[in-house]
Amino acid sequence: MTQIPCIRKIALKLKIRKLIEHQGDQYIIKTCSIFRNYTVSFQVGQEFEEFSEGLDNRHMKSVVRWEGNKLVCEQKGEKKNRGWCHWIEEDKLHLELYCEGEICKQVFKKVND
């Protein structure tokens, strides 16, 4: 049987909130949890400098674009093939994060405040 490190067990129990605001092509995506918060602000189609402070603390150049119904981000920096993709399917927000061939999938359900 494979042991799951304690930090991963804790991560599995976290309730992460995604707050997405937009006006036209200007987006602000906030990811909030009990341990840390992260905010990214961007204009669709325009490259921007991003610093993943509190996550993996990397500097990169990012560009977000629409690919069909998916919001796709390509991040260029010291890690190859890195980025993420958001889309809505059946009233749920899906997120895939990818980096150097590894993929993390998350699904969020809408909550009413």
PDB file of N, CA and C in Angstrom:
ATOM      1  N   MET A   1       0.843  -1.174   0.000  1.00  0.00           N
ATOM      2  CA  MET A   1       0.000   0.000   0.000  1.00  0.00           C
ATOM      3  C   MET A   1       0.894   1.245   0.000  1.00  0.00           C
ATOM      4  N   THR A   2       0.539   2.203  -0.833  1.00  0.00           N
ATOM      5  CA  THR A   2       1.297   3.437  -0.936  1.00  0.00           C
ATOM      6  C   THR A   2       0.876   4.402   0.166  1.00  0.00           C
ATOM      7  N   GLN A   3       1.854   4.982   0.844  1.00  0.00           N
ATOM      8  CA  GLN A   3       1.590   5.962   1.887  1.00  0.00           C
ATOM      9  C   GLN A   3       1.423   7.339   1.251  1.00  0.00           C
ATOM     10  N   ILE A   4       0.448   8.089   1.705  1.00  0.00           N
ATOM     11  CA  ILE A   4       0.258   9.459   1.240  1.00  0.00           C
ATOM     12  C   ILE A   4       0.866  10.376   2.289  1.00  0.00           C
ATOM     13  N   PRO A   5       1.827  11.240   1.887  1.00  0.00           N
ATOM     14  CA  PRO A   5       2.422  12.164   2.853  1.00  0.00           C
ATOM     15  C   PRO A   5       1.348  13.035   3.516  1.00  0.00           C
ATOM     16  N   CYS A   6       1.603  13.417   4.755  1.00  0.00           N
ATOM     17  CA  CYS A   6       0.644  14.203   5.539  1.00  0.00           C
ATOM     18  C   CYS A   6       0.178  15.460   4.813  1.00  0.00           C
ATOM     19  N   ILE A   7       1.087  16.178   4.177  1.00  0.00           N
ATOM     20  CA  ILE A   7       0.710  17.425   3.511  1.00  0.00           C
ATOM     21  C   ILE A   7      -0.297  17.164   2.392  1.00  0.00           C
ATOM     22  N   ARG A   8      -0.171  16.038   1.713  1.00  0.00           N
ATOM     23  CA  ARG A   8      -1.135  15.703   0.654  1.00  0.00           C
ATOM     24  C   ARG A   8      -2.490  15.339   1.245  1.00  0.00           C
ATOM     25  N   LYS A   9      -2.486  14.683   2.401  1.00  0.00           N
ATOM     26  CA  LYS A   9      -3.750  14.361   3.067  1.00  0.00           C
ATOM     27  C   LYS A   9      -4.483  15.641   3.457  1.00  0.00           C
ATOM     28  N   ILE A  10      -3.727  16.612   3.953  1.00  0.00           N
ATOM     29  CA  ILE A  10      -4.318  17.901   4.316  1.00  0.00           C
ATOM     30  C   ILE A  10      -4.851  18.593   3.069  1.00  0.00           C
ATOM     31  N   ALA A  11      -4.074  18.599   2.005  1.00  0.00           N
ATOM     32  CA  ALA A  11      -4.484  19.258   0.756  1.00  0.00           C
ATOM     33  C   ALA A  11      -5.779  18.676   0.212  1.00  0.00           C
ATOM     34  N   LEU A  12      -5.974  17.381   0.365  1.00  0.00           N
ATOM     35  CA  LEU A  12      -7.197  16.745  -0.116  1.00  0.00           C
ATOM     36  C   LEU A  12      -8.439  17.254   0.620  1.00  0.00           C
ATOM     37  N   LYS A  13      -8.264  17.726   1.836  1.00  0.00           N
ATOM     38  CA  LYS A  13      -9.389  18.204   2.648  1.00  0.00           C
ATOM     39  C   LYS A  13      -9.665  19.698   2.480  1.00  0.00           C
ATOM     40  N   LEU A  14      -8.765  20.421   1.806  1.00  0.00           N
ATOM     41  CA  LEU A  14      -8.925  21.864   1.652  1.00  0.00           C
ATOM     42  C   LEU A  14     -10.153  22.213   0.829  1.00  0.00           C
ATOM     43  N   LYS A  15     -10.792  23.284   1.211  1.00  0.00           N
ATOM     44  CA  LYS A  15     -11.875  23.839   0.405  1.00  0.00           C
ATOM     45  C   LYS A  15     -11.304  25.081  -0.270  1.00  0.00           C
ATOM     46  N   ILE A  16     -11.104  24.981  -1.561  1.00  0.00           N
ATOM     47  CA  ILE A  16     -10.536  26.075  -2.341  1.00  0.00           C
ATOM     48  C   ILE A  16     -11.674  26.826  -3.015  1.00  0.00           C
ATOM     49  N   ARG A  17     -11.591  28.148  -2.980  1.00  0.00           N
ATOM     50  CA  ARG A  17     -12.590  28.991  -3.647  1.00  0.00           C
ATOM     51  C   ARG A  17     -11.951  29.690  -4.826  1.00  0.00           C
ATOM     52  N   LYS A  18     -12.677  29.760  -5.914  1.00  0.00           N
ATOM     53  CA  LYS A  18     -12.263  30.500  -7.106  1.00  0.00           C
ATOM     54  C   LYS A  18     -13.241  31.642  -7.289  1.00  0.00           C
ATOM     55  N   LEU A  19     -12.739  32.834  -7.385  1.00  0.00           N
ATOM     56  CA  LEU A  19     -13.555  34.009  -7.663  1.00  0.00           C
ATOM     57  C   LEU A  19     -13.085  34.568  -9.000  1.00  0.00           C
ATOM     58  N   ILE A  20     -13.984  34.661  -9.950  1.00  0.00           N
ATOM     59  CA  ILE A  20     -13.618  35.140 -11.282  1.00  0.00           C
ATOM     60  C   ILE A  20     -14.446  36.376 -11.594  1.00  0.00           C
ATOM     61  N   GLU A  21     -13.736  37.469 -11.874  1.00  0.00           N
ATOM     62  CA  GLU A  21     -14.382  38.726 -12.247  1.00  0.00           C
ATOM     63  C   GLU A  21     -13.901  39.095 -13.640  1.00  0.00           C
ATOM     64  N   HIS A  22     -14.793  39.703 -14.429  1.00  0.00           N
ATOM     65  CA  HIS A  22     -14.334  40.181 -15.730  1.00  0.00           C
ATOM     66  C   HIS A  22     -15.198  41.322 -16.234  1.00  0.00           C
ATOM     67  N   GLN A  23     -14.553  42.176 -16.994  1.00  0.00           N
ATOM     68  CA  GLN A  23     -15.209  43.243 -17.738  1.00  0.00           C
ATOM     69  C   GLN A  23     -14.619  43.173 -19.131  1.00  0.00           C
ATOM     70  N   GLY A  24     -15.417  42.715 -20.084  1.00  0.00           N
ATOM     71  CA  GLY A  24     -14.903  42.527 -21.431  1.00  0.00           C
ATOM     72  C   GLY A  24     -13.826  41.459 -21.417  1.00  0.00           C
ATOM     73  N   ASP A  25     -12.634  41.800 -21.921  1.00  0.00           N
ATOM     74  CA  ASP A  25     -11.517  40.854 -21.965  1.00  0.00           C
ATOM     75  C   ASP A  25     -10.557  41.001 -20.790  1.00  0.00           C
ATOM     76  N   GLN A  26     -10.884  41.833 -19.802  1.00  0.00           N
ATOM     77  CA  GLN A  26     -10.051  42.004 -18.607  1.00  0.00           C
ATOM     78  C   GLN A  26     -10.564  41.059 -17.520  1.00  0.00           C
ATOM     79  N   TYR A  27      -9.702  40.167 -17.029  1.00  0.00           N
ATOM     80  CA  TYR A  27     -10.090  39.162 -16.036  1.00  0.00           C
ATOM     81  C   TYR A  27      -9.264  39.290 -14.768  1.00  0.00           C
ATOM     82  N   ILE A  28      -9.884  38.972 -13.650  1.00  0.00           N
ATOM     83  CA  ILE A  28      -9.202  38.809 -12.367  1.00  0.00           C
ATOM     84  C   ILE A  28      -9.661  37.462 -11.824  1.00  0.00           C
ATOM     85  N   ILE A  29      -8.712  36.560 -11.584  1.00  0.00           N
ATOM     86  CA  ILE A  29      -9.027  35.253 -11.015  1.00  0.00           C
ATOM     87  C   ILE A  29      -8.343  35.155  -9.657  1.00  0.00           C
ATOM     88  N   LYS A  30      -9.151  34.943  -8.626  1.00  0.00           N
ATOM     89  CA  LYS A  30      -8.638  34.815  -7.263  1.00  0.00           C
ATOM     90  C   LYS A  30      -8.836  33.375  -6.806  1.00  0.00           C
ATOM     91  N   THR A  31      -7.771  32.782  -6.294  1.00  0.00           N
ATOM     92  CA  THR A  31      -7.824  31.435  -5.731  1.00  0.00           C
ATOM     93  C   THR A  31      -7.566  31.582  -4.237  1.00  0.00           C
ATOM     94  N   CYS A  32      -8.512  31.146  -3.424  1.00  0.00           N
ATOM     95  CA  CYS A  32      -8.440  31.372  -1.980  1.00  0.00           C
ATOM     96  C   CYS A  32      -8.564  30.065  -1.206  1.00  0.00           C
ATOM     97  N   SER A  33      -7.687  29.885  -0.225  1.00  0.00           N
ATOM     98  CA  SER A  33      -7.778  28.745   0.688  1.00  0.00           C
ATOM     99  C   SER A  33      -7.334  29.212   2.067  1.00  0.00           C
ATOM    100  N   ILE A  34      -7.440  28.338   3.038  1.00  0.00           N
ATOM    101  CA  ILE A  34      -7.048  28.682   4.400  1.00  0.00           C
ATOM    102  C   ILE A  34      -5.538  28.939   4.500  1.00  0.00           C
ATOM    103  N   PHE A  35      -4.743  28.339   3.608  1.00  0.00           N
ATOM    104  CA  PHE A  35      -3.285  28.467   3.679  1.00  0.00           C
ATOM    105  C   PHE A  35      -2.733  29.646   2.898  1.00  0.00           C
ATOM    106  N   ARG A  36      -3.309  29.925   1.729  1.00  0.00           N
ATOM    107  CA  ARG A  36      -2.781  31.023   0.915  1.00  0.00           C
ATOM    108  C   ARG A  36      -3.809  31.453  -0.110  1.00  0.00           C
ATOM    109  N   ASN A  37      -3.592  32.666  -0.586  1.00  0.00           N
ATOM    110  CA  ASN A  37      -4.439  33.231  -1.632  1.00  0.00           C
ATOM    111  C   ASN A  37      -3.545  33.638  -2.797  1.00  0.00           C
ATOM    112  N   TYR A  38      -4.091  33.562  -3.988  1.00  0.00           N
ATOM    113  CA  TYR A  38      -3.335  33.955  -5.179  1.00  0.00           C
ATOM    114  C   TYR A  38      -4.284  34.670  -6.132  1.00  0.00           C
ATOM    115  N   THR A  39      -3.838  35.791  -6.666  1.00  0.00           N
ATOM    116  CA  THR A  39      -4.638  36.573  -7.605  1.00  0.00           C
ATOM    117  C   THR A  39      -3.839  36.792  -8.880  1.00  0.00           C
ATOM    118  N   VAL A  40      -4.501  36.587 -10.006  1.00  0.00           N
ATOM    119  CA  VAL A  40      -3.883  36.888 -11.292  1.00  0.00           C
ATOM    120  C   VAL A  40      -4.856  37.765 -12.071  1.00  0.00           C
ATOM    121  N   SER A  41      -4.318  38.820 -12.675  1.00  0.00           N
ATOM    122  CA  SER A  41      -5.113  39.766 -13.445  1.00  0.00           C
ATOM    123  C   SER A  41      -4.513  39.852 -14.845  1.00  0.00           C
ATOM    124  N   PHE A  42      -5.365  39.792 -15.863  1.00  0.00           N
ATOM    125  CA  PHE A  42      -4.838  39.789 -17.229  1.00  0.00           C
ATOM    126  C   PHE A  42      -5.875  40.266 -18.230  1.00  0.00           C
ATOM    127  N   GLN A  43      -5.382  40.660 -19.384  1.00  0.00           N
ATOM    128  CA  GLN A  43      -6.189  41.010 -20.548  1.00  0.00           C
ATOM    129  C   GLN A  43      -6.032  39.861 -21.534  1.00  0.00           C
ATOM    130  N   VAL A  44      -7.137  39.278 -21.974  1.00  0.00           N
ATOM    131  CA  VAL A  44      -7.082  38.153 -22.911  1.00  0.00           C
ATOM    132  C   VAL A  44      -6.312  38.574 -24.163  1.00  0.00           C
ATOM    133  N   GLY A  45      -5.350  37.731 -24.559  1.00  0.00           N
ATOM    134  CA  GLY A  45      -4.574  37.963 -25.773  1.00  0.00           C
ATOM    135  C   GLY A  45      -3.330  38.807 -25.598  1.00  0.00           C
ATOM    136  N   GLN A  46      -3.104  39.379 -24.410  1.00  0.00           N
ATOM    137  CA  GLN A  46      -1.927  40.218 -24.170  1.00  0.00           C
ATOM    138  C   GLN A  46      -0.975  39.530 -23.197  1.00  0.00           C
ATOM    139  N   GLU A  47       0.306  39.453 -23.593  1.00  0.00           N
ATOM    140  CA  GLU A  47       1.315  38.857 -22.718  1.00  0.00           C
ATOM    141  C   GLU A  47       1.513  39.752 -21.497  1.00  0.00           C
ATOM    142  N   PHE A  48       1.753  39.134 -20.330  1.00  0.00           N
ATOM    143  CA  PHE A  48       1.974  39.890 -19.103  1.00  0.00           C
ATOM    144  C   PHE A  48       2.995  39.171 -18.230  1.00  0.00           C
ATOM    145  N   GLU A  49       3.635  39.937 -17.350  1.00  0.00           N
ATOM    146  CA  GLU A  49       4.579  39.392 -16.378  1.00  0.00           C
ATOM    147  C   GLU A  49       3.778  38.824 -15.208  1.00  0.00           C
ATOM    148  N   GLU A  50       4.109  37.598 -14.811  1.00  0.00           N
ATOM    149  CA  GLU A  50       3.401  36.963 -13.701  1.00  0.00           C
ATOM    150  C   GLU A  50       4.419  36.458 -12.682  1.00  0.00           C
ATOM    151  N   PHE A  51       4.111  36.651 -11.414  1.00  0.00           N
ATOM    152  CA  PHE A  51       4.933  36.128 -10.326  1.00  0.00           C
ATOM    153  C   PHE A  51       4.019  35.282  -9.456  1.00  0.00           C
ATOM    154  N   SER A  52       4.296  34.003  -9.381  1.00  0.00           N
ATOM    155  CA  SER A  52       3.434  33.070  -8.642  1.00  0.00           C
ATOM    156  C   SER A  52       3.776  33.088  -7.148  1.00  0.00           C
ATOM    157  N   GLU A  53       3.673  34.271  -6.568  1.00  0.00           N
ATOM    158  CA  GLU A  53       4.015  34.474  -5.160  1.00  0.00           C
ATOM    159  C   GLU A  53       3.150  33.605  -4.255  1.00  0.00           C
ATOM    160  N   GLY A  54       3.806  32.895  -3.351  1.00  0.00           N
ATOM    161  CA  GLY A  54       3.103  32.048  -2.406  1.00  0.00           C
ATOM    162  C   GLY A  54       2.806  30.662  -2.937  1.00  0.00           C
ATOM    163  N   LEU A  55       2.960  30.461  -4.230  1.00  0.00           N
ATOM    164  CA  LEU A  55       2.747  29.133  -4.814  1.00  0.00           C
ATOM    165  C   LEU A  55       4.106  28.478  -4.995  1.00  0.00           C
ATOM    166  N   ASP A  56       4.743  28.726  -6.149  1.00  0.00           N
ATOM    167  CA  ASP A  56       6.101  28.208  -6.335  1.00  0.00           C
ATOM    168  C   ASP A  56       7.099  29.342  -6.559  1.00  0.00           C
ATOM    169  N   ASN A  57       6.638  30.587  -6.373  1.00  0.00           N
ATOM    170  CA  ASN A  57       7.488  31.785  -6.422  1.00  0.00           C
ATOM    171  C   ASN A  57       8.333  31.878  -7.687  1.00  0.00           C
ATOM    172  N   ARG A  58       7.696  31.716  -8.818  1.00  0.00           N
ATOM    173  CA  ARG A  58       8.399  31.801 -10.103  1.00  0.00           C
ATOM    174  C   ARG A  58       7.948  33.035 -10.876  1.00  0.00           C
ATOM    175  N   HIS A  59       8.905  33.593 -11.621  1.00  0.00           N
ATOM    176  CA  HIS A  59       8.612  34.683 -12.548  1.00  0.00           C
ATOM    177  C   HIS A  59       8.432  34.073 -13.930  1.00  0.00           C
ATOM    178  N   MET A  60       7.420  34.528 -14.642  1.00  0.00           N
ATOM    179  CA  MET A  60       7.190  34.009 -15.985  1.00  0.00           C
ATOM    180  C   MET A  60       6.437  35.033 -16.812  1.00  0.00           C
ATOM    181  N   LYS A  61       6.462  34.816 -18.114  1.00  0.00           N
ATOM    182  CA  LYS A  61       5.644  35.603 -19.028  1.00  0.00           C
ATOM    183  C   LYS A  61       4.471  34.721 -19.401  1.00  0.00           C
ATOM    184  N   SER A  62       3.277  35.275 -19.271  1.00  0.00           N
ATOM    185  CA  SER A  62       2.065  34.498 -19.515  1.00  0.00           C
ATOM    186  C   SER A  62       1.199  35.188 -20.554  1.00  0.00           C
ATOM    187  N   VAL A  63       0.440  34.390 -21.275  1.00  0.00           N
ATOM    188  CA  VAL A  63      -0.576  34.916 -22.188  1.00  0.00           C
ATOM    189  C   VAL A  63      -1.792  33.994 -22.097  1.00  0.00           C
ATOM    190  N   VAL A  64      -2.966  34.606 -21.989  1.00  0.00           N
ATOM    191  CA  VAL A  64      -4.218  33.858 -21.884  1.00  0.00           C
ATOM    192  C   VAL A  64      -5.032  34.138 -23.137  1.00  0.00           C
ATOM    193  N   ARG A  65      -5.613  33.099 -23.704  1.00  0.00           N
ATOM    194  CA  ARG A  65      -6.422  33.252 -24.909  1.00  0.00           C
ATOM    195  C   ARG A  65      -7.613  32.294 -24.838  1.00  0.00           C
ATOM    196  N   TRP A  66      -8.596  32.564 -25.659  1.00  0.00           N
ATOM    197  CA  TRP A  66      -9.738  31.663 -25.781  1.00  0.00           C
ATOM    198  C   TRP A  66      -9.436  30.624 -26.836  1.00  0.00           C
ATOM    199  N   GLU A  67      -9.677  29.356 -26.521  1.00  0.00           N
ATOM    200  CA  GLU A  67      -9.627  28.261 -27.491  1.00  0.00           C
ATOM    201  C   GLU A  67     -10.990  27.590 -27.421  1.00  0.00           C
ATOM    202  N   GLY A  68     -11.887  27.986 -28.309  1.00  0.00           N
ATOM    203  CA  GLY A  68     -13.267  27.510 -28.232  1.00  0.00           C
ATOM    204  C   GLY A  68     -13.903  28.044 -26.967  1.00  0.00           C
ATOM    205  N   ASN A  69     -14.397  27.168 -26.115  1.00  0.00           N
ATOM    206  CA  ASN A  69     -15.021  27.587 -24.858  1.00  0.00           C
ATOM    207  C   ASN A  69     -14.066  27.488 -23.667  1.00  0.00           C
ATOM    208  N   LYS A  70     -12.774  27.329 -23.945  1.00  0.00           N
ATOM    209  CA  LYS A  70     -11.785  27.184 -22.871  1.00  0.00           C
ATOM    210  C   LYS A  70     -10.878  28.409 -22.798  1.00  0.00           C
ATOM    211  N   LEU A  71     -10.622  28.862 -21.574  1.00  0.00           N
ATOM    212  CA  LEU A  71      -9.683  29.942 -21.314  1.00  0.00           C
ATOM    213  C   LEU A  71      -8.340  29.283 -21.015  1.00  0.00           C
ATOM    214  N   VAL A  72      -7.364  29.468 -21.915  1.00  0.00           N
ATOM    215  CA  VAL A  72      -6.096  28.739 -21.853  1.00  0.00           C
ATOM    216  C   VAL A  72      -4.951  29.715 -21.593  1.00  0.00           C
ATOM    217  N   CYS A  73      -4.090  29.378 -20.624  1.00  0.00           N
ATOM    218  CA  CYS A  73      -2.930  30.202 -20.286  1.00  0.00           C
ATOM    219  C   CYS A  73      -1.648  29.439 -20.588  1.00  0.00           C
ATOM    220  N   GLU A  74      -0.757  30.081 -21.321  1.00  0.00           N
ATOM    221  CA  GLU A  74       0.579  29.532 -21.567  1.00  0.00           C
ATOM    222  C   GLU A  74       1.564  30.369 -20.757  1.00  0.00           C
ATOM    223  N   GLN A  75       2.380  29.693 -19.939  1.00  0.00           N
ATOM    224  CA  GLN A  75       3.339  30.377 -19.077  1.00  0.00           C
ATOM    225  C   GLN A  75       4.752  30.005 -19.515  1.00  0.00           C
ATOM    226  N   LYS A  76       5.562  31.026 -19.824  1.00  0.00           N
ATOM    227  CA  LYS A  76       6.939  30.791 -20.256  1.00  0.00           C
ATOM    228  C   LYS A  76       7.885  31.248 -19.160  1.00  0.00           C
ATOM    229  N   GLY A  77       8.805  30.354 -18.802  1.00  0.00           N
ATOM    230  CA  GLY A  77       9.766  30.655 -17.751  1.00  0.00           C
ATOM    231  C   GLY A  77      10.733  29.501 -17.641  1.00  0.00           C
ATOM    232  N   GLU A  78      11.202  29.220 -16.420  1.00  0.00           N
ATOM    233  CA  GLU A  78      12.195  28.159 -16.247  1.00  0.00           C
ATOM    234  C   GLU A  78      11.619  26.758 -16.377  1.00  0.00           C
ATOM    235  N   LYS A  79      10.309  26.609 -16.264  1.00  0.00           N
ATOM    236  CA  LYS A  79       9.658  25.307 -16.448  1.00  0.00           C
ATOM    237  C   LYS A  79       9.059  25.243 -17.849  1.00  0.00           C
ATOM    238  N   LYS A  80       9.172  24.079 -18.491  1.00  0.00           N
ATOM    239  CA  LYS A  80       8.659  23.924 -19.854  1.00  0.00           C
ATOM    240  C   LYS A  80       7.234  23.381 -19.838  1.00  0.00           C
ATOM    241  N   ASN A  81       6.501  23.702 -20.924  1.00  0.00           N
ATOM    242  CA  ASN A  81       5.137  23.200 -21.111  1.00  0.00           C
ATOM    243  C   ASN A  81       4.296  23.425 -19.852  1.00  0.00           C
ATOM    244  N   ARG A  82       4.204  24.694 -19.450  1.00  0.00           N
ATOM    245  CA  ARG A  82       3.517  25.050 -18.213  1.00  0.00           C
ATOM    246  C   ARG A  82       2.338  25.965 -18.518  1.00  0.00           C
ATOM    247  N   GLY A  83       1.228  25.747 -17.815  1.00  0.00           N
ATOM    248  CA  GLY A  83       0.069  26.617 -17.976  1.00  0.00           C
ATOM    249  C   GLY A  83      -1.162  26.025 -17.332  1.00  0.00           C
ATOM    250  N   TRP A  84      -2.304  26.536 -17.737  1.00  0.00           N
ATOM    251  CA  TRP A  84      -3.570  26.058 -17.195  1.00  0.00           C
ATOM    252  C   TRP A  84      -4.685  26.288 -18.195  1.00  0.00           C
ATOM    253  N   CYS A  85      -5.829  25.665 -17.928  1.00  0.00           N
ATOM    254  CA  CYS A  85      -6.996  25.774 -18.790  1.00  0.00           C
ATOM    255  C   CYS A  85      -8.251  25.728 -17.918  1.00  0.00           C
ATOM    256  N   HIS A  86      -9.131  26.723 -18.058  1.00  0.00           N
ATOM    257  CA  HIS A  86     -10.419  26.774 -17.349  1.00  0.00           C
ATOM    258  C   HIS A  86     -11.553  26.612 -18.354  1.00  0.00           C
ATOM    259  N   TRP A  87     -12.595  25.890 -17.976  1.00  0.00           N
ATOM    260  CA  TRP A  87     -13.814  25.845 -18.775  1.00  0.00           C
ATOM    261  C   TRP A  87     -14.979  25.431 -17.890  1.00  0.00           C
ATOM    262  N   ILE A  88     -16.181  25.746 -18.362  1.00  0.00           N
ATOM    263  CA  ILE A  88     -17.400  25.391 -17.629  1.00  0.00           C
ATOM    264  C   ILE A  88     -18.099  24.272 -18.377  1.00  0.00           C
ATOM    265  N   GLU A  89     -18.480  23.257 -17.614  1.00  0.00           N
ATOM    266  CA  GLU A  89     -19.182  22.104 -18.176  1.00  0.00           C
ATOM    267  C   GLU A  89     -20.197  21.626 -17.143  1.00  0.00           C
ATOM    268  N   GLU A  90     -21.450  21.521 -17.563  1.00  0.00           N
ATOM    269  CA  GLU A  90     -22.519  21.055 -16.672  1.00  0.00           C
ATOM    270  C   GLU A  90     -22.535  21.802 -15.337  1.00  0.00           C
ATOM    271  N   ASP A  91     -22.469  23.118 -15.400  1.00  0.00           N
ATOM    272  CA  ASP A  91     -22.562  23.969 -14.214  1.00  0.00           C
ATOM    273  C   ASP A  91     -21.379  23.833 -13.255  1.00  0.00           C
ATOM    274  N   LYS A  92     -20.271  23.275 -13.719  1.00  0.00           N
ATOM    275  CA  LYS A  92     -19.062  23.161 -12.897  1.00  0.00           C
ATOM    276  C   LYS A  92     -17.894  23.823 -13.618  1.00  0.00           C
ATOM    277  N   LEU A  93     -16.998  24.425 -12.829  1.00  0.00           N
ATOM    278  CA  LEU A  93     -15.789  25.030 -13.369  1.00  0.00           C
ATOM    279  C   LEU A  93     -14.676  23.993 -13.316  1.00  0.00           C
ATOM    280  N   HIS A  94     -14.107  23.699 -14.459  1.00  0.00           N
ATOM    281  CA  HIS A  94     -13.009  22.738 -14.541  1.00  0.00           C
ATOM    282  C   HIS A  94     -11.698  23.506 -14.704  1.00  0.00           C
ATOM    283  N   LEU A  95     -10.646  22.984 -14.089  1.00  0.00           N
ATOM    284  CA  LEU A  95      -9.312  23.563 -14.197  1.00  0.00           C
ATOM    285  C   LEU A  95      -8.313  22.438 -14.392  1.00  0.00           C
ATOM    286  N   GLU A  96      -7.480  22.580 -15.412  1.00  0.00           N
ATOM    287  CA  GLU A  96      -6.339  21.681 -15.589  1.00  0.00           C
ATOM    288  C   GLU A  96      -5.083  22.528 -15.519  1.00  0.00           C
ATOM    289  N   LEU A  97      -4.184  22.152 -14.632  1.00  0.00           N
ATOM    290  CA  LEU A  97      -2.874  22.783 -14.516  1.00  0.00           C
ATOM    291  C   LEU A  97      -1.868  21.795 -15.081  1.00  0.00           C
ATOM    292  N   TYR A  98      -0.944  22.277 -15.879  1.00  0.00           N
ATOM    293  CA  TYR A  98       0.038  21.355 -16.438  1.00  0.00           C
ATOM    294  C   TYR A  98       1.436  21.971 -16.389  1.00  0.00           C
ATOM    295  N   CYS A  99       2.423  21.089 -16.238  1.00  0.00           N
ATOM    296  CA  CYS A  99       3.819  21.510 -16.188  1.00  0.00           C
ATOM    297  C   CYS A  99       4.706  20.308 -16.473  1.00  0.00           C
ATOM    298  N   GLU A 100       5.541  20.432 -17.484  1.00  0.00           N
ATOM    299  CA  GLU A 100       6.523  19.409 -17.839  1.00  0.00           C
ATOM    300  C   GLU A 100       5.917  18.005 -17.893  1.00  0.00           C
ATOM    301  N   GLY A 101       4.751  17.891 -18.529  1.00  0.00           N
ATOM    302  CA  GLY A 101       4.141  16.584 -18.734  1.00  0.00           C
ATOM    303  C   GLY A 101       3.232  16.095 -17.618  1.00  0.00           C
ATOM    304  N   GLU A 102       3.202  16.786 -16.494  1.00  0.00           N
ATOM    305  CA  GLU A 102       2.318  16.416 -15.381  1.00  0.00           C
ATOM    306  C   GLU A 102       1.041  17.249 -15.465  1.00  0.00           C
ATOM    307  N   ILE A 103      -0.091  16.659 -15.102  1.00  0.00           N
ATOM    308  CA  ILE A 103      -1.377  17.357 -15.152  1.00  0.00           C
ATOM    309  C   ILE A 103      -2.096  17.206 -13.818  1.00  0.00           C
ATOM    310  N   CYS A 104      -2.622  18.311 -13.326  1.00  0.00           N
ATOM    311  CA  CYS A 104      -3.457  18.331 -12.126  1.00  0.00           C
ATOM    312  C   CYS A 104      -4.849  18.785 -12.558  1.00  0.00           C
ATOM    313  N   LYS A 105      -5.873  18.019 -12.205  1.00  0.00           N
ATOM    314  CA  LYS A 105      -7.247  18.357 -12.577  1.00  0.00           C
ATOM    315  C   LYS A 105      -8.043  18.706 -11.327  1.00  0.00           C
ATOM    316  N   GLN A 106      -8.789  19.813 -11.417  1.00  0.00           N
ATOM    317  CA  GLN A 106      -9.646  20.243 -10.314  1.00  0.00           C
ATOM    318  C   GLN A 106     -11.024  20.585 -10.873  1.00  0.00           C
ATOM    319  N   VAL A 107     -12.052  20.337 -10.079  1.00  0.00           N
ATOM    320  CA  VAL A 107     -13.421  20.671 -10.467  1.00  0.00           C
ATOM    321  C   VAL A 107     -14.047  21.457  -9.320  1.00  0.00           C
ATOM    322  N   PHE A 108     -14.664  22.586  -9.657  1.00  0.00           N
ATOM    323  CA  PHE A 108     -15.287  23.459  -8.667  1.00  0.00           C
ATOM    324  C   PHE A 108     -16.782  23.532  -8.928  1.00  0.00           C
ATOM    325  N   LYS A 109     -17.571  23.546  -7.864  1.00  0.00           N
ATOM    326  CA  LYS A 109     -19.005  23.741  -8.028  1.00  0.00           C
ATOM    327  C   LYS A 109     -19.371  25.124  -7.517  1.00  0.00           C
ATOM    328  N   LYS A 110     -20.384  25.699  -8.135  1.00  0.00           N
ATOM    329  CA  LYS A 110     -20.819  27.040  -7.774  1.00  0.00           C
ATOM    330  C   LYS A 110     -21.525  27.008  -6.426  1.00  0.00           C
ATOM    331  N   VAL A 111     -21.172  27.976  -5.579  1.00  0.00           N
ATOM    332  CA  VAL A 111     -21.842  28.114  -4.289  1.00  0.00           C
ATOM    333  C   VAL A 111     -22.494  29.486  -4.242  1.00  0.00           C
ATOM    334  N   ASN A 112     -23.594  29.573  -3.569  1.00  0.00           N
ATOM    335  CA  ASN A 112     -24.275  30.852  -3.400  1.00  0.00           C
ATOM    336  C   ASN A 112     -23.900  31.422  -2.049  1.00  0.00           C
ATOM    337  N   ASP A 113     -23.407  32.659  -2.073  1.00  0.00           N
ATOM    338  CA  ASP A 113     -23.007  33.312  -0.813  1.00  0.00           C
ATOM    339  C   ASP A 113     -24.198  33.783  -0.037  1.00  0.00           C
TER     340      ASP A 113
END
